[in-house]
Amino acid sequence: MFFRSEPKWEVVEPLKDIGWRIRKKYFLMKIKNQPRERLVLSWADLGPDKYLSDKDFQCLIKLLPSCLHPYIYRVTFATANESSALLIRTFNEKGTLKDLIYKVLKFLHDKGFPYGHLHASNVMLDGDTCRLLDLENSLLGLPSFYRSYFSQFRKINTLESVDVHCFGHLLYEMTYGRPPDSVPVDSFPPAPSMTVVAVLESTLSCEACKNGMPTVSRLLQMPLFSDVLLTTSEKPQFKIPTKLKEALRIAKECIEKRLIEEQKQIHQHRRLTRAQSHHGSEEERKKRKILARKKSKRSAIENNEEHSAKYSNSNNSGISALPPPPPPPPPPPAAPLPPTSMEAPVQLLPQVVNGVSRGALLSSIQNFQKGTLRKAETCDYSAPKIG
């Protein structure tokens, strides 16, 4: 679809084995009316850090060809759609150079332009000059080449500090001819100059990764750079409208916010892993067994002491809780006065009646005769009937 609207470009062939991104493709291009001039087209999909609106994104991509700097490789043409972007640059057969690009980092930082993609393959040798590539990567939201390194350190949480840390990686490769085995670097091998080691220590050492990166301005004041005088006839130029500067600032804050959240998750995962590893170690298991044994002994002693205290308290409470002796019985009541003649028969009558009836009952029992009982007939229906 792009080449239908731009008929002057012609694709020659795809270029393989360029770069490290899976979703970024390269093609050899030429202009139809200038067949001898060779160009390279890079085509990449949008990434997870793309926070610009579609309108601002289109404007900034089309603004890249106007960026002029002696240490930035110029973009010939740039355009984008809702899912990807393509840029065309002059083809350079000499390839990239692992060289020092610090002036251009300061230039971009002063302009408020987020970069974060400095590495050896993004530095192009053009004659006697080194030029920076792929300014569009931050606009596309693509992850940095060194993201797996600086995402482990919570103090590297701005794109400016990311650029400085990436510069440390690049300088290490330039000095020793290979990338560092691990970051942070505990000790640096001997270098041609101690001024180089000083810069490496300020960007890749344990202290630097723990406390934070220096600024590019601070790096330029170090002896490795302060004695270098760069002269060029090409004047830097990159005019960004105020509205787009604000959009860039917001996008930069969103990129940094996602980086901080990722660093927080990595830090929490590391703490959990260390705790689990420590908890599962043989020495820790022995300590837990000893503590459990001491705790069980202590609880047994406390239970015995508590039981003894309860038993002692119950005995003391039992003795103290004995009821007081009962009061002496009341004196017997005085003998009643003899009743009058009218009341005496009435009161003695139940006693006489009781005495007569009791005597009659005893006499009846003593004089009982079995023969005087009437014979009774019993009807037994329990026997089986056989019919």
Protein backbone atom coordinates (compact mmCIF):
# COMPACT_ATOMS: atom_id res chain seq x y z
CA MET A 1 0.00 0.00 0.00
CA PHE A 2 2.87 2.38 0.79
CA PHE A 3 4.52 1.99 -2.61
CA ARG A 4 1.26 2.69 -4.39
CA SER A 5 1.15 6.15 -2.81
CA GLU A 6 4.92 6.69 -3.23
CA PRO A 7 5.73 5.48 -6.77
CA LYS A 8 9.28 6.90 -6.89
CA TRP A 9 10.66 4.14 -4.60
CA GLU A 10 11.54 0.67 -5.81
CA VAL A 11 12.38 -2.41 -3.72
CA VAL A 12 15.51 -4.21 -4.92
CA GLU A 13 15.76 -7.13 -2.46
CA PRO A 14 15.28 -8.01 1.22
CA LEU A 15 18.34 -7.69 3.45
CA LYS A 16 18.85 -10.56 5.89
CA ASP A 17 20.94 -10.91 9.05
CA ILE A 18 20.69 -7.25 9.96
CA GLY A 19 19.93 -6.28 13.54
CA TRP A 20 18.52 -8.40 16.37
CA ARG A 21 14.81 -7.54 16.36
CA ILE A 22 12.44 -10.25 15.19
CA ARG A 23 9.77 -7.85 13.98
CA LYS A 24 12.04 -5.43 12.16
CA LYS A 25 12.73 -6.04 8.47
CA TYR A 26 15.25 -4.43 6.12
CA PHE A 27 15.08 -3.98 2.34
CA LEU A 28 17.51 -2.63 -0.21
CA MET A 29 15.84 0.29 -2.03
CA LYS A 30 16.53 2.65 -4.90
CA ILE A 31 14.94 5.71 -6.44
CA LYS A 32 13.57 5.08 -9.93
CA ASN A 33 15.07 8.21 -11.47
CA GLN A 34 18.39 7.67 -9.58
CA PRO A 35 19.09 3.93 -9.95
CA ARG A 36 22.72 4.17 -8.80
CA GLU A 37 21.88 5.56 -5.36
CA ARG A 38 21.24 2.72 -2.94
CA LEU A 39 19.16 3.09 0.18
CA VAL A 40 17.98 0.83 2.99
CA LEU A 41 14.39 0.64 4.24
CA SER A 42 13.64 -0.46 7.81
CA TRP A 43 10.10 -1.58 8.65
CA ALA A 44 9.04 -2.28 12.25
CA ASP A 45 5.79 -2.96 14.11
CA LEU A 46 4.79 -0.89 17.13
CA GLY A 47 5.98 -2.03 20.55
CA PRO A 48 4.60 -2.13 24.12
CA ASP A 49 5.99 1.32 25.05
CA LYS A 50 4.09 3.19 22.34
CA TYR A 51 2.08 5.83 24.27
CA LEU A 52 1.78 8.60 21.69
CA SER A 53 -1.57 9.26 20.10
CA ASP A 54 -1.84 8.27 16.44
CA LYS A 55 -1.88 11.91 15.37
CA ASP A 56 1.20 12.90 17.39
CA PHE A 57 2.94 9.70 16.35
CA GLN A 58 2.42 10.45 12.65
CA CYS A 59 3.68 14.01 13.08
CA LEU A 60 6.81 13.02 14.98
CA ILE A 61 7.73 10.24 12.56
CA LYS A 62 7.45 12.62 9.62
CA LEU A 63 9.56 15.14 11.59
CA LEU A 64 12.59 12.81 11.75
CA PRO A 65 13.97 13.68 8.26
CA SER A 66 14.36 17.27 9.48
CA CYS A 67 16.72 16.23 12.29
CA LEU A 68 20.27 17.32 11.39
CA HIS A 69 23.27 16.57 13.61
CA PRO A 70 26.83 15.60 12.71
CA TYR A 71 26.54 12.46 14.86
CA ILE A 72 23.03 11.34 13.86
CA TYR A 73 22.60 9.28 10.70
CA ARG A 74 20.11 11.23 8.64
CA VAL A 75 16.69 9.84 7.72
CA THR A 76 15.79 10.34 4.05
CA PHE A 77 12.10 9.47 4.32
CA ALA A 78 9.74 8.38 7.13
CA THR A 79 6.07 7.45 7.36
CA ALA A 80 3.79 5.34 9.56
CA ASN A 81 0.35 3.81 9.87
CA GLU A 82 -1.71 2.58 12.83
CA SER A 83 0.42 -0.54 13.41
CA SER A 84 3.93 0.05 12.00
CA ALA A 85 6.40 2.53 10.56
CA LEU A 86 9.03 2.54 7.83
CA LEU A 87 12.07 4.72 7.35
CA ILE A 88 14.55 5.05 4.49
CA ARG A 89 18.22 5.95 4.94
CA THR A 90 21.26 5.98 2.70
CA PHE A 91 22.83 2.54 2.45
CA ASN A 92 26.29 2.29 4.04
CA GLU A 93 28.39 -0.77 3.26
CA LYS A 94 30.93 -0.08 6.02
CA GLY A 95 28.42 -1.02 8.69
CA THR A 96 28.26 0.15 12.31
CA LEU A 97 31.11 1.12 14.59
CA LYS A 98 31.50 0.63 18.33
CA ASP A 99 32.53 4.19 19.03
CA LEU A 100 31.88 7.03 21.40
CA ILE A 101 28.56 8.91 20.93
CA TYR A 102 28.06 11.16 23.90
CA LYS A 103 27.60 14.57 22.32
CA VAL A 104 24.52 13.39 20.48
CA LEU A 105 23.04 11.97 23.68
CA LYS A 106 23.31 15.36 25.33
CA PHE A 107 21.77 16.94 22.24
CA LEU A 108 18.77 14.60 22.40
CA HIS A 109 18.37 15.02 26.16
CA ASP A 110 18.40 18.80 25.80
CA LYS A 111 15.67 18.51 23.18
CA GLY A 112 13.57 16.29 25.46
CA PHE A 113 13.66 13.50 22.90
CA PRO A 114 13.58 10.00 24.47
CA TYR A 115 16.08 7.55 23.01
CA GLY A 116 17.12 4.59 25.19
CA HIS A 117 18.45 2.47 22.30
CA LEU A 118 22.18 3.10 22.32
CA HIS A 119 24.24 0.00 21.51
CA ALA A 120 27.07 -0.92 19.14
CA SER A 121 24.79 -1.81 16.23
CA ASN A 122 23.08 1.58 16.32
CA VAL A 123 26.30 3.53 15.68
CA MET A 124 27.16 4.03 12.01
CA LEU A 125 30.58 4.91 10.62
CA ASP A 126 30.23 7.49 7.86
CA GLY A 127 33.68 8.47 6.64
CA ASP A 128 35.48 9.91 9.63
CA THR A 129 32.25 10.46 11.55
CA CYS A 130 30.13 8.23 13.76
CA ARG A 131 26.38 8.70 13.49
CA LEU A 132 23.54 7.45 15.65
CA LEU A 133 20.76 5.28 14.18
CA ASP A 134 17.14 4.36 14.93
CA LEU A 135 15.79 7.47 16.63
CA GLU A 136 12.33 6.18 15.78
CA ASN A 137 12.55 3.18 18.13
CA SER A 138 11.38 5.15 21.16
CA LEU A 139 8.46 6.59 19.17
CA LEU A 140 7.49 3.07 18.06
CA GLY A 141 7.60 1.89 21.67
CA LEU A 142 10.18 -0.84 21.01
CA PRO A 143 12.08 -2.34 23.98
CA SER A 144 15.74 -1.50 24.43
CA PHE A 145 18.53 -3.95 23.58
CA TYR A 146 19.84 -3.76 27.17
CA ARG A 147 16.45 -3.77 28.91
CA SER A 148 17.11 -7.12 30.60
CA TYR A 149 20.12 -5.47 32.31
CA PHE A 150 18.85 -2.12 33.53
CA SER A 151 15.38 -3.43 34.49
CA GLN A 152 17.11 -5.16 37.44
CA PHE A 153 18.26 -1.87 39.00
CA ARG A 154 15.59 0.39 40.47
CA LYS A 155 17.81 3.49 40.36
CA ILE A 156 18.01 3.32 36.55
CA ASN A 157 14.44 4.53 36.10
CA THR A 158 14.64 7.38 33.56
CA LEU A 159 15.46 7.31 29.86
CA GLU A 160 18.41 9.63 30.49
CA SER A 161 19.91 7.18 33.01
CA VAL A 162 19.13 4.32 30.59
CA ASP A 163 21.17 6.07 27.88
CA VAL A 164 24.12 6.53 30.24
CA HIS A 165 23.98 2.87 31.33
CA CYS A 166 23.80 1.71 27.70
CA PHE A 167 26.77 3.93 26.92
CA GLY A 168 28.70 2.05 29.63
CA HIS A 169 27.96 -1.23 27.85
CA LEU A 170 29.13 0.24 24.54
CA LEU A 171 32.34 1.63 26.06
CA TYR A 172 33.09 -1.75 27.68
CA GLU A 173 32.79 -3.45 24.27
CA MET A 174 35.01 -0.82 22.68
CA THR A 175 37.64 -1.24 25.42
CA TYR A 176 37.76 -5.03 25.79
CA GLY A 177 36.34 -6.22 22.47
CA ARG A 178 33.47 -8.13 24.08
CA PRO A 179 30.40 -7.36 26.20
CA PRO A 180 30.63 -7.74 29.99
CA ASP A 181 29.98 -11.23 31.36
CA SER A 182 27.54 -9.88 33.92
CA VAL A 183 26.28 -6.55 35.22
CA PRO A 184 27.11 -5.05 37.65
CA VAL A 185 30.82 -5.59 37.06
CA ASP A 186 32.73 -6.36 40.26
CA SER A 187 36.22 -5.72 38.88
CA PHE A 188 37.40 -4.39 35.54
CA PRO A 189 40.31 -5.93 33.61
CA PRO A 190 43.35 -3.74 32.93
CA ALA A 191 42.58 -1.06 30.35
CA PRO A 192 44.83 1.15 28.18
CA SER A 193 43.87 4.15 30.28
CA MET A 194 42.55 4.58 33.81
CA THR A 195 40.31 7.36 32.53
CA VAL A 196 38.34 4.68 30.65
CA VAL A 197 38.03 2.55 33.78
CA ALA A 198 36.76 5.59 35.71
CA VAL A 199 33.90 6.02 33.22
CA LEU A 200 33.13 2.29 33.29
CA GLU A 201 33.01 2.33 37.09
CA SER A 202 30.59 5.25 37.03
CA THR A 203 28.19 3.35 34.72
CA LEU A 204 28.59 -0.42 35.30
CA SER A 205 29.95 -0.94 38.83
CA CYS A 206 27.89 -2.24 41.76
CA GLU A 207 27.92 1.17 43.41
CA ALA A 208 26.75 2.92 40.23
CA CYS A 209 23.90 0.46 39.62
CA LYS A 210 22.84 0.73 43.26
CA ASN A 211 23.05 4.52 43.65
CA GLY A 212 22.18 5.67 40.11
CA MET A 213 23.81 6.85 36.89
CA PRO A 214 25.60 10.17 36.35
CA THR A 215 24.15 12.59 33.83
CA VAL A 216 25.62 13.02 30.35
CA SER A 217 26.82 16.49 31.37
CA ARG A 218 28.65 14.92 34.32
CA LEU A 219 30.27 12.37 31.99
CA LEU A 220 31.49 15.13 29.66
CA GLN A 221 33.39 16.67 32.58
CA MET A 222 35.40 13.49 33.21
CA PRO A 223 39.03 13.39 31.92
CA LEU A 224 38.19 10.90 29.15
CA PHE A 225 36.00 13.50 27.39
CA SER A 226 37.05 16.89 28.72
CA ASP A 227 40.24 16.97 26.65
CA VAL A 228 38.48 16.06 23.38
CA LEU A 229 37.75 18.90 20.96
CA LEU A 230 35.24 18.08 18.22
CA THR A 231 34.92 20.44 15.26
CA THR A 232 32.29 20.18 12.56
CA SER A 233 30.86 22.47 9.93
CA GLU A 234 27.39 20.94 10.18
CA LYS A 235 25.12 22.81 12.58
CA PRO A 236 22.75 20.70 14.72
CA GLN A 237 19.10 21.28 13.92
CA PHE A 238 15.95 19.61 15.23
CA LYS A 239 12.89 21.82 15.71
CA ILE A 240 10.07 20.19 17.67
CA PRO A 241 6.79 22.13 18.03
CA THR A 242 5.68 22.92 21.58
CA LYS A 243 2.60 20.71 21.31
CA LEU A 244 4.67 17.72 20.23
CA LYS A 245 7.19 18.41 23.01
CA GLU A 246 4.38 18.01 25.52
CA ALA A 247 3.27 14.78 23.84
CA LEU A 248 6.87 13.51 24.01
CA ARG A 249 7.08 14.42 27.70
CA ILE A 250 3.90 12.48 28.51
CA ALA A 251 5.03 9.48 26.45
CA LYS A 252 8.41 9.55 28.20
CA GLU A 253 6.72 9.54 31.61
CA CYS A 254 4.56 6.56 30.59
CA ILE A 255 7.62 4.62 29.39
CA GLU A 256 9.42 5.33 32.66
CA LYS A 257 6.34 4.38 34.70
CA ARG A 258 6.13 0.98 33.01
CA LEU A 259 9.86 0.47 33.61
CA ILE A 260 9.46 1.29 37.32
CA GLU A 261 6.56 -1.18 37.66
CA GLU A 262 8.60 -3.88 35.95
CA GLN A 263 11.58 -3.19 38.22
CA LYS A 264 9.28 -3.38 41.27
CA GLN A 265 7.95 -6.79 40.21
CA ILE A 266 11.48 -8.11 39.60
CA HIS A 267 12.58 -6.84 43.04
CA GLN A 268 9.62 -8.50 44.79
CA HIS A 269 10.24 -11.77 42.94
CA ARG A 270 13.90 -11.71 43.98
CA ARG A 271 12.99 -11.15 47.64
CA LEU A 272 10.50 -14.02 47.53
CA THR A 273 13.04 -16.32 45.86
CA ARG A 274 15.73 -15.47 48.42
CA ALA A 275 13.29 -16.04 51.30
CA GLN A 276 12.20 -19.41 49.90
CA SER A 277 15.81 -20.45 49.29
CA HIS A 278 16.83 -19.43 52.80
CA HIS A 279 13.78 -21.10 54.32
CA GLY A 280 14.51 -24.37 52.53
CA SER A 281 18.23 -24.56 53.33
CA GLU A 282 19.56 -27.41 55.49
CA GLU A 283 20.93 -25.03 58.10
CA GLU A 284 17.59 -23.24 58.35
CA ARG A 285 15.73 -26.55 58.77
CA LYS A 286 18.04 -27.50 61.65
CA LYS A 287 17.42 -24.15 63.30
CA ARG A 288 13.66 -24.61 62.98
CA LYS A 289 13.89 -28.11 64.53
CA ILE A 290 15.91 -26.78 67.48
CA LEU A 291 13.49 -23.90 67.98
CA ALA A 292 10.50 -26.25 67.79
CA ARG A 293 12.09 -28.56 70.36
CA LYS A 294 12.82 -25.65 72.71
CA LYS A 295 9.31 -24.33 72.24
CA SER A 296 7.73 -27.71 73.05
CA LYS A 297 9.88 -28.03 76.21
CA ARG A 298 8.98 -24.51 77.26
CA SER A 299 5.28 -25.12 76.69
CA ALA A 300 5.46 -28.40 78.67
CA ILE A 301 7.11 -26.61 81.60
CA GLU A 302 4.55 -23.82 81.43
CA ASN A 303 1.71 -26.36 81.36
CA ASN A 304 3.11 -28.16 84.42
CA GLU A 305 3.52 -24.90 86.29
CA GLU A 306 0.02 -23.84 85.31
CA HIS A 307 -1.41 -27.21 86.44
CA SER A 308 0.41 -27.01 89.78
CA ALA A 309 -0.81 -23.48 90.31
CA LYS A 310 -4.39 -24.49 89.54
CA TYR A 311 -4.16 -27.51 91.92
CA SER A 312 -2.74 -25.35 94.69
CA ASN A 313 -5.43 -22.74 94.17
CA SER A 314 -8.18 -25.36 94.20
CA ASN A 315 -6.90 -26.81 97.52
CA ASN A 316 -6.70 -23.39 99.07
CA SER A 317 -10.13 -22.49 97.80
CA GLY A 318 -11.51 -25.84 99.10
CA ILE A 319 -10.22 -25.21 102.59
CA SER A 320 -11.42 -21.68 102.64
CA ALA A 321 -14.79 -22.69 101.24
CA LEU A 322 -15.76 -25.13 104.12
CA PRO A 323 -19.20 -24.23 105.47
CA PRO A 324 -19.35 -22.78 108.98
CA PRO A 325 -20.59 -25.08 111.78
CA PRO A 326 -24.36 -25.24 112.04
CA PRO A 327 -25.97 -23.19 114.76
CA PRO A 328 -27.08 -25.01 117.91
CA PRO A 329 -30.59 -26.49 117.73
CA PRO A 330 -33.32 -24.41 119.22
CA PRO A 331 -34.55 -25.39 122.69
CA PRO A 332 -37.55 -27.72 122.76
CA PRO A 333 -40.87 -25.99 122.95
CA ALA A 334 -42.53 -25.69 126.27
CA ALA A 335 -45.16 -28.28 127.19
CA PRO A 336 -48.62 -27.17 126.16
CA LEU A 337 -51.18 -26.40 128.73
CA PRO A 338 -53.69 -29.17 129.45
CA PRO A 339 -56.72 -28.77 127.23
CA THR A 340 -60.14 -27.95 128.48
CA SER A 341 -62.76 -30.61 129.00
CA MET A 342 -64.53 -29.72 125.77
CA GLU A 343 -61.41 -30.08 123.53
CA ALA A 344 -59.85 -33.28 124.99
CA PRO A 345 -62.16 -35.88 123.39
CA VAL A 346 -61.77 -34.23 120.00
CA GLN A 347 -57.95 -34.31 120.09
CA LEU A 348 -57.69 -37.92 121.46
CA LEU A 349 -60.25 -39.36 119.08
CA PRO A 350 -57.86 -39.91 116.12
CA GLN A 351 -55.39 -41.67 118.37
CA VAL A 352 -58.06 -44.05 119.70
CA VAL A 353 -59.44 -44.71 116.25
CA ASN A 354 -55.99 -45.36 114.91
CA GLY A 355 -55.17 -47.75 117.71
CA VAL A 356 -58.43 -49.77 117.22
CA SER A 357 -58.01 -50.06 113.42
CA ARG A 358 -54.36 -51.11 113.73
CA GLY A 359 -55.21 -53.78 116.27
CA ALA A 360 -58.05 -55.09 114.11
CA LEU A 361 -55.71 -55.36 111.09
CA LEU A 362 -53.14 -57.34 113.09
CA SER A 363 -55.81 -59.65 114.46
CA SER A 364 -57.18 -60.29 110.95
CA ILE A 365 -53.74 -61.23 109.65
CA GLN A 366 -53.08 -63.58 112.51
CA ASN A 367 -56.45 -65.35 112.21
CA PHE A 368 -56.31 -65.72 108.38
CA GLN A 369 -57.43 -69.15 107.09
CA LYS A 370 -56.79 -70.23 103.53
CA GLY A 371 -59.80 -72.42 103.34
CA THR A 372 -62.13 -69.55 103.68
CA LEU A 373 -61.02 -68.27 100.26
CA ARG A 374 -63.41 -68.82 97.35
CA LYS A 375 -62.12 -71.01 94.53
CA ALA A 376 -61.46 -69.18 91.28
CA GLU A 377 -61.62 -70.62 87.77
CA THR A 378 -58.86 -69.75 85.33
CA CYS A 379 -59.44 -69.82 81.55
CA ASP A 380 -56.10 -70.58 79.85
CA TYR A 381 -56.08 -69.58 76.19
CA SER A 382 -52.34 -70.01 75.70
CA ALA A 383 -52.50 -73.71 74.65
CA PRO A 384 -52.39 -74.27 70.84
CA LYS A 385 -55.52 -75.39 69.08
CA ILE A 386 -55.32 -78.36 66.66
CA GLY A 387 -58.32 -78.55 64.41
